[in-house]
Amino acid sequence: MSLRSLTVAVGATAGAALLLVAVPGSAFAASGQFRYSYTTTDGYEAVGFLNNPASGQCVNLATPAAEPGTVSRAPKNLTDATAIVFLGTDCVGDTYYVLPPGKGASDRLLARSVVFS
């Protein structure tokens, strides 16, 4: 191997290593959909959902066309990750429920936020 070939190979390897360090890793996401129900201000039943939610990030469950602070109910975890559903916003509080992948809960389970493993 000539000195020029060796220099090019070393440069390419160093460049590839630098690129791997410089590019941030992609965030992990749960594959699938998380669904929940709520009632609008007009009294209609509505369904909210999260598609492929990011793992490790708290999500406050949106309830469009409902009173602010409306509580969602009957969550269904149709993702491949475990969902931890909280009664409080911002995934805080002592009231939470662990919902395994592919499982749903009854209308009695209330939720305002969720985080995925």
N, C-alpha and C. Protein backbone atom coordinates (compact mmCIF):
# COMPACT_ATOMS: atom_id res chain seq x y z
N MET A 1 0.84 -1.16 0.00
CA MET A 1 0.00 0.00 0.00
C MET A 1 0.89 1.23 0.00
N SER A 2 0.58 2.17 -0.86
CA SER A 2 1.41 3.37 -0.97
C SER A 2 1.06 4.33 0.17
N LEU A 3 1.93 5.27 0.40
CA LEU A 3 1.73 6.28 1.44
C LEU A 3 0.48 7.11 1.15
N ARG A 4 0.24 7.42 -0.14
CA ARG A 4 -0.93 8.20 -0.51
C ARG A 4 -2.21 7.42 -0.20
N SER A 5 -2.27 6.14 -0.50
CA SER A 5 -3.45 5.31 -0.22
C SER A 5 -3.69 5.22 1.28
N LEU A 6 -2.61 5.07 2.04
CA LEU A 6 -2.72 5.00 3.48
C LEU A 6 -3.26 6.31 4.05
N THR A 7 -2.80 7.44 3.55
CA THR A 7 -3.26 8.75 4.01
C THR A 7 -4.74 8.94 3.72
N VAL A 8 -5.19 8.53 2.52
CA VAL A 8 -6.60 8.65 2.14
C VAL A 8 -7.46 7.76 3.04
N ALA A 9 -7.00 6.55 3.30
CA ALA A 9 -7.75 5.62 4.13
C ALA A 9 -7.88 6.14 5.56
N VAL A 10 -6.78 6.65 6.11
CA VAL A 10 -6.81 7.20 7.46
C VAL A 10 -7.72 8.43 7.52
N GLY A 11 -7.64 9.27 6.51
CA GLY A 11 -8.49 10.47 6.45
C GLY A 11 -9.97 10.11 6.37
N ALA A 12 -10.28 9.12 5.55
CA ALA A 12 -11.68 8.69 5.41
C ALA A 12 -12.20 8.10 6.72
N THR A 13 -11.38 7.32 7.38
CA THR A 13 -11.79 6.72 8.66
C THR A 13 -12.00 7.80 9.71
N ALA A 14 -11.10 8.75 9.78
CA ALA A 14 -11.23 9.84 10.75
C ALA A 14 -12.46 10.68 10.44
N GLY A 15 -12.71 10.93 9.17
CA GLY A 15 -13.90 11.70 8.78
C GLY A 15 -15.19 10.99 9.15
N ALA A 16 -15.23 9.68 8.94
CA ALA A 16 -16.41 8.89 9.29
C ALA A 16 -16.63 8.90 10.81
N ALA A 17 -15.56 8.77 11.57
CA ALA A 17 -15.67 8.78 13.02
C ALA A 17 -16.17 10.14 13.51
N LEU A 18 -15.67 11.21 12.92
CA LEU A 18 -16.10 12.55 13.29
C LEU A 18 -17.58 12.75 12.96
N LEU A 19 -18.02 12.25 11.83
CA LEU A 19 -19.41 12.37 11.43
C LEU A 19 -20.32 11.62 12.40
N LEU A 20 -19.89 10.45 12.86
CA LEU A 20 -20.70 9.69 13.82
C LEU A 20 -20.85 10.44 15.14
N VAL A 21 -19.82 11.13 15.56
CA VAL A 21 -19.86 11.88 16.80
C VAL A 21 -20.69 13.16 16.63
N ALA A 22 -20.62 13.79 15.47
CA ALA A 22 -21.29 15.07 15.25
C ALA A 22 -22.79 14.92 15.04
N VAL A 23 -23.26 13.82 14.46
CA VAL A 23 -24.68 13.64 14.19
C VAL A 23 -25.36 13.10 15.44
N PRO A 24 -26.35 13.82 15.96
CA PRO A 24 -27.01 13.33 17.16
C PRO A 24 -27.79 12.06 16.87
N GLY A 25 -27.88 11.19 17.86
CA GLY A 25 -28.64 9.96 17.70
C GLY A 25 -30.13 10.24 17.57
N SER A 26 -30.81 9.41 16.83
CA SER A 26 -32.24 9.61 16.67
C SER A 26 -32.95 9.21 17.95
N ALA A 27 -34.04 9.89 18.25
CA ALA A 27 -34.81 9.59 19.45
C ALA A 27 -35.59 8.30 19.22
N PHE A 28 -35.66 7.50 20.26
CA PHE A 28 -36.44 6.28 20.17
C PHE A 28 -37.91 6.65 20.24
N ALA A 29 -38.72 5.92 19.54
CA ALA A 29 -40.16 6.16 19.56
C ALA A 29 -40.89 4.83 19.67
N ALA A 30 -42.02 4.90 20.31
CA ALA A 30 -42.90 3.74 20.37
C ALA A 30 -43.58 3.62 19.02
N SER A 31 -43.66 2.43 18.49
CA SER A 31 -44.34 2.23 17.21
C SER A 31 -45.79 1.90 17.48
N GLY A 32 -46.66 2.60 16.80
CA GLY A 32 -48.09 2.35 16.95
C GLY A 32 -48.83 3.59 17.38
N GLN A 33 -50.02 3.38 17.91
CA GLN A 33 -50.89 4.49 18.27
C GLN A 33 -51.39 4.35 19.71
N PHE A 34 -51.46 5.48 20.40
CA PHE A 34 -52.04 5.56 21.73
C PHE A 34 -53.33 6.35 21.59
N ARG A 35 -54.45 5.80 22.07
CA ARG A 35 -55.76 6.45 21.93
C ARG A 35 -56.37 6.72 23.29
N TYR A 36 -57.22 7.73 23.34
CA TYR A 36 -57.96 8.07 24.55
C TYR A 36 -59.25 8.78 24.16
N SER A 37 -60.22 8.74 25.06
CA SER A 37 -61.53 9.35 24.81
C SER A 37 -61.72 10.55 25.72
N TYR A 38 -62.57 11.48 25.29
CA TYR A 38 -62.95 12.63 26.12
C TYR A 38 -64.27 13.19 25.58
N THR A 39 -64.89 14.08 26.33
CA THR A 39 -66.15 14.68 25.95
C THR A 39 -65.93 16.15 25.61
N THR A 40 -66.46 16.59 24.45
CA THR A 40 -66.32 17.98 24.03
C THR A 40 -67.30 18.86 24.81
N THR A 41 -67.15 20.17 24.67
CA THR A 41 -68.06 21.09 25.35
C THR A 41 -69.49 20.95 24.85
N ASP A 42 -69.68 20.44 23.63
CA ASP A 42 -71.02 20.22 23.09
C ASP A 42 -71.60 18.87 23.50
N GLY A 43 -70.85 18.10 24.28
CA GLY A 43 -71.33 16.82 24.77
C GLY A 43 -71.05 15.64 23.86
N TYR A 44 -70.25 15.86 22.82
CA TYR A 44 -69.91 14.76 21.91
C TYR A 44 -68.74 13.95 22.45
N GLU A 45 -68.76 12.66 22.17
CA GLU A 45 -67.63 11.81 22.51
C GLU A 45 -66.58 11.99 21.42
N ALA A 46 -65.35 12.19 21.82
CA ALA A 46 -64.25 12.39 20.88
C ALA A 46 -63.10 11.45 21.23
N VAL A 47 -62.26 11.18 20.24
CA VAL A 47 -61.10 10.32 20.43
C VAL A 47 -59.85 11.10 20.06
N GLY A 48 -58.89 11.13 20.97
CA GLY A 48 -57.59 11.70 20.69
C GLY A 48 -56.60 10.59 20.48
N PHE A 49 -55.49 10.88 19.82
CA PHE A 49 -54.49 9.84 19.60
C PHE A 49 -53.12 10.44 19.43
N LEU A 50 -52.12 9.61 19.70
CA LEU A 50 -50.70 9.93 19.49
C LEU A 50 -50.15 8.85 18.57
N ASN A 51 -49.57 9.24 17.47
CA ASN A 51 -48.96 8.28 16.55
C ASN A 51 -47.46 8.21 16.79
N ASN A 52 -46.93 7.03 16.99
CA ASN A 52 -45.50 6.79 17.19
C ASN A 52 -44.89 7.80 18.18
N PRO A 53 -45.40 7.84 19.40
CA PRO A 53 -44.92 8.83 20.37
C PRO A 53 -43.47 8.59 20.78
N ALA A 54 -42.78 9.67 21.06
CA ALA A 54 -41.38 9.58 21.48
C ALA A 54 -41.29 8.93 22.86
N SER A 55 -40.25 8.16 23.07
CA SER A 55 -40.03 7.50 24.35
C SER A 55 -39.36 8.48 25.32
N GLY A 56 -39.75 8.37 26.58
CA GLY A 56 -39.10 9.16 27.62
C GLY A 56 -39.54 10.61 27.69
N GLN A 57 -40.50 11.03 26.88
CA GLN A 57 -40.97 12.41 26.89
C GLN A 57 -42.42 12.45 27.34
N CYS A 58 -42.71 13.26 28.33
CA CYS A 58 -44.07 13.39 28.82
C CYS A 58 -44.92 14.12 27.79
N VAL A 59 -46.14 13.62 27.59
CA VAL A 59 -47.08 14.25 26.67
C VAL A 59 -48.37 14.53 27.44
N ASN A 60 -48.76 15.80 27.49
CA ASN A 60 -50.06 16.15 28.04
C ASN A 60 -51.11 15.86 26.96
N LEU A 61 -52.14 15.13 27.32
CA LEU A 61 -53.14 14.68 26.35
C LEU A 61 -54.04 15.84 25.94
N ALA A 62 -54.04 16.14 24.65
CA ALA A 62 -54.84 17.24 24.12
C ALA A 62 -56.31 16.85 24.06
N THR A 63 -57.16 17.82 24.36
CA THR A 63 -58.61 17.60 24.28
C THR A 63 -59.23 18.77 23.53
N PRO A 64 -59.06 18.83 22.20
CA PRO A 64 -59.60 19.94 21.42
C PRO A 64 -61.13 20.00 21.55
N ALA A 65 -61.68 21.21 21.50
CA ALA A 65 -63.12 21.45 21.58
C ALA A 65 -63.70 21.03 22.92
N ALA A 66 -62.86 20.96 23.94
CA ALA A 66 -63.32 20.62 25.29
C ALA A 66 -62.89 21.73 26.23
N GLU A 67 -63.48 21.75 27.40
CA GLU A 67 -63.11 22.73 28.42
C GLU A 67 -61.64 22.53 28.79
N PRO A 68 -60.91 23.62 29.06
CA PRO A 68 -59.53 23.47 29.52
C PRO A 68 -59.47 22.59 30.77
N GLY A 69 -58.51 21.70 30.82
CA GLY A 69 -58.35 20.81 31.96
C GLY A 69 -59.24 19.58 31.93
N THR A 70 -59.91 19.35 30.79
CA THR A 70 -60.76 18.17 30.67
C THR A 70 -59.93 16.91 30.87
N VAL A 71 -60.49 15.97 31.59
CA VAL A 71 -59.79 14.72 31.85
C VAL A 71 -60.15 13.71 30.76
N SER A 72 -59.14 13.07 30.23
CA SER A 72 -59.35 12.00 29.25
C SER A 72 -59.65 10.71 29.99
N ARG A 73 -60.14 9.72 29.26
CA ARG A 73 -60.46 8.44 29.88
C ARG A 73 -60.26 7.31 28.88
N ALA A 74 -60.32 6.10 29.38
CA ALA A 74 -60.24 4.88 28.57
C ALA A 74 -59.04 4.85 27.62
N PRO A 75 -57.82 5.03 28.14
CA PRO A 75 -56.66 4.97 27.25
C PRO A 75 -56.44 3.57 26.69
N LYS A 76 -55.98 3.53 25.46
CA LYS A 76 -55.65 2.27 24.79
C LYS A 76 -54.24 2.39 24.23
N ASN A 77 -53.36 1.54 24.75
CA ASN A 77 -51.97 1.56 24.34
C ASN A 77 -51.76 0.56 23.21
N LEU A 78 -51.88 1.02 21.99
CA LEU A 78 -51.71 0.16 20.82
C LEU A 78 -50.31 0.29 20.26
N THR A 79 -49.35 0.65 21.13
CA THR A 79 -47.95 0.76 20.73
C THR A 79 -47.19 -0.48 21.18
N ASP A 80 -45.90 -0.51 20.86
CA ASP A 80 -45.05 -1.63 21.28
C ASP A 80 -44.25 -1.28 22.54
N ALA A 81 -44.61 -0.19 23.21
CA ALA A 81 -43.90 0.24 24.42
C ALA A 81 -44.88 0.33 25.59
N THR A 82 -44.35 0.28 26.79
CA THR A 82 -45.17 0.45 27.98
C THR A 82 -45.51 1.93 28.15
N ALA A 83 -46.77 2.22 28.46
CA ALA A 83 -47.22 3.59 28.69
C ALA A 83 -47.52 3.76 30.18
N ILE A 84 -47.02 4.84 30.75
CA ILE A 84 -47.37 5.18 32.13
C ILE A 84 -48.29 6.39 32.04
N VAL A 85 -49.54 6.18 32.45
CA VAL A 85 -50.60 7.17 32.31
C VAL A 85 -50.80 7.85 33.66
N PHE A 86 -50.77 9.18 33.67
CA PHE A 86 -50.90 9.97 34.90
C PHE A 86 -52.23 10.72 34.93
N LEU A 87 -52.81 10.83 36.12
CA LEU A 87 -54.00 11.64 36.29
C LEU A 87 -53.63 13.12 36.23
N GLY A 88 -52.44 13.47 36.69
CA GLY A 88 -51.98 14.86 36.67
C GLY A 88 -51.31 15.22 35.35
N THR A 89 -51.22 16.51 35.08
CA THR A 89 -50.50 16.97 33.89
C THR A 89 -48.99 16.87 34.14
N ASP A 90 -48.24 16.93 33.06
CA ASP A 90 -46.77 16.92 33.10
C ASP A 90 -46.19 15.66 33.74
N CYS A 91 -46.96 14.57 33.73
CA CYS A 91 -46.52 13.26 34.23
C CYS A 91 -46.03 13.33 35.67
N VAL A 92 -46.75 14.08 36.48
CA VAL A 92 -46.42 14.17 37.91
C VAL A 92 -47.63 13.75 38.74
N GLY A 93 -47.34 13.36 39.94
CA GLY A 93 -48.40 12.99 40.88
C GLY A 93 -48.31 11.54 41.28
N ASP A 94 -49.03 11.22 42.34
CA ASP A 94 -49.02 9.87 42.89
C ASP A 94 -50.02 8.95 42.22
N THR A 95 -50.90 9.51 41.39
CA THR A 95 -51.92 8.70 40.74
C THR A 95 -51.50 8.43 39.31
N TYR A 96 -51.10 7.18 39.05
CA TYR A 96 -50.69 6.78 37.71
C TYR A 96 -51.01 5.30 37.51
N TYR A 97 -50.97 4.87 36.26
CA TYR A 97 -51.28 3.49 35.92
C TYR A 97 -50.33 3.05 34.82
N VAL A 98 -49.79 1.85 34.96
CA VAL A 98 -48.89 1.30 33.95
C VAL A 98 -49.72 0.48 32.97
N LEU A 99 -49.67 0.87 31.71
CA LEU A 99 -50.46 0.22 30.66
C LEU A 99 -49.51 -0.50 29.70
N PRO A 100 -49.50 -1.84 29.75
CA PRO A 100 -48.60 -2.61 28.89
C PRO A 100 -48.92 -2.42 27.40
N PRO A 101 -47.98 -2.76 26.53
CA PRO A 101 -48.21 -2.66 25.09
C PRO A 101 -49.42 -3.49 24.66
N GLY A 102 -50.23 -2.93 23.79
CA GLY A 102 -51.36 -3.65 23.23
C GLY A 102 -52.56 -3.75 24.14
N LYS A 103 -52.57 -3.06 25.28
CA LYS A 103 -53.66 -3.16 26.25
C LYS A 103 -54.45 -1.87 26.33
N GLY A 104 -55.70 -1.99 26.73
CA GLY A 104 -56.56 -0.85 26.94
C GLY A 104 -57.14 -0.88 28.33
N ALA A 105 -57.68 0.24 28.77
CA ALA A 105 -58.29 0.34 30.09
C ALA A 105 -59.74 0.78 29.95
N SER A 106 -60.50 0.63 31.01
CA SER A 106 -61.92 0.98 30.98
C SER A 106 -62.11 2.49 31.05
N ASP A 107 -63.36 2.91 30.92
CA ASP A 107 -63.71 4.33 31.02
C ASP A 107 -63.40 4.89 32.40
N ARG A 108 -63.22 4.04 33.38
CA ARG A 108 -62.95 4.51 34.74
C ARG A 108 -61.53 5.03 34.91
N LEU A 109 -60.62 4.65 34.00
CA LEU A 109 -59.24 5.13 34.11
C LEU A 109 -59.15 6.52 33.49
N LEU A 110 -58.86 7.50 34.31
CA LEU A 110 -58.75 8.89 33.87
C LEU A 110 -57.29 9.26 33.67
N ALA A 111 -57.04 10.15 32.71
CA ALA A 111 -55.65 10.50 32.39
C ALA A 111 -55.55 11.92 31.85
N ARG A 112 -54.44 12.59 32.19
CA ARG A 112 -54.13 13.89 31.63
C ARG A 112 -52.77 13.93 30.93
N SER A 113 -51.92 12.93 31.23
CA SER A 113 -50.60 12.90 30.59
C SER A 113 -50.10 11.46 30.53
N VAL A 114 -49.10 11.25 29.66
CA VAL A 114 -48.56 9.90 29.47
C VAL A 114 -47.08 10.01 29.08
N VAL A 115 -46.32 8.99 29.47
CA VAL A 115 -44.92 8.85 29.05
C VAL A 115 -44.70 7.40 28.65
N PHE A 116 -43.90 7.17 27.62
CA PHE A 116 -43.64 5.83 27.10
C PHE A 116 -42.22 5.41 27.42
N SER A 117 -42.05 4.10 27.69
CA SER A 117 -40.71 3.58 28.01
C SER A 117 -39.94 3.30 26.74
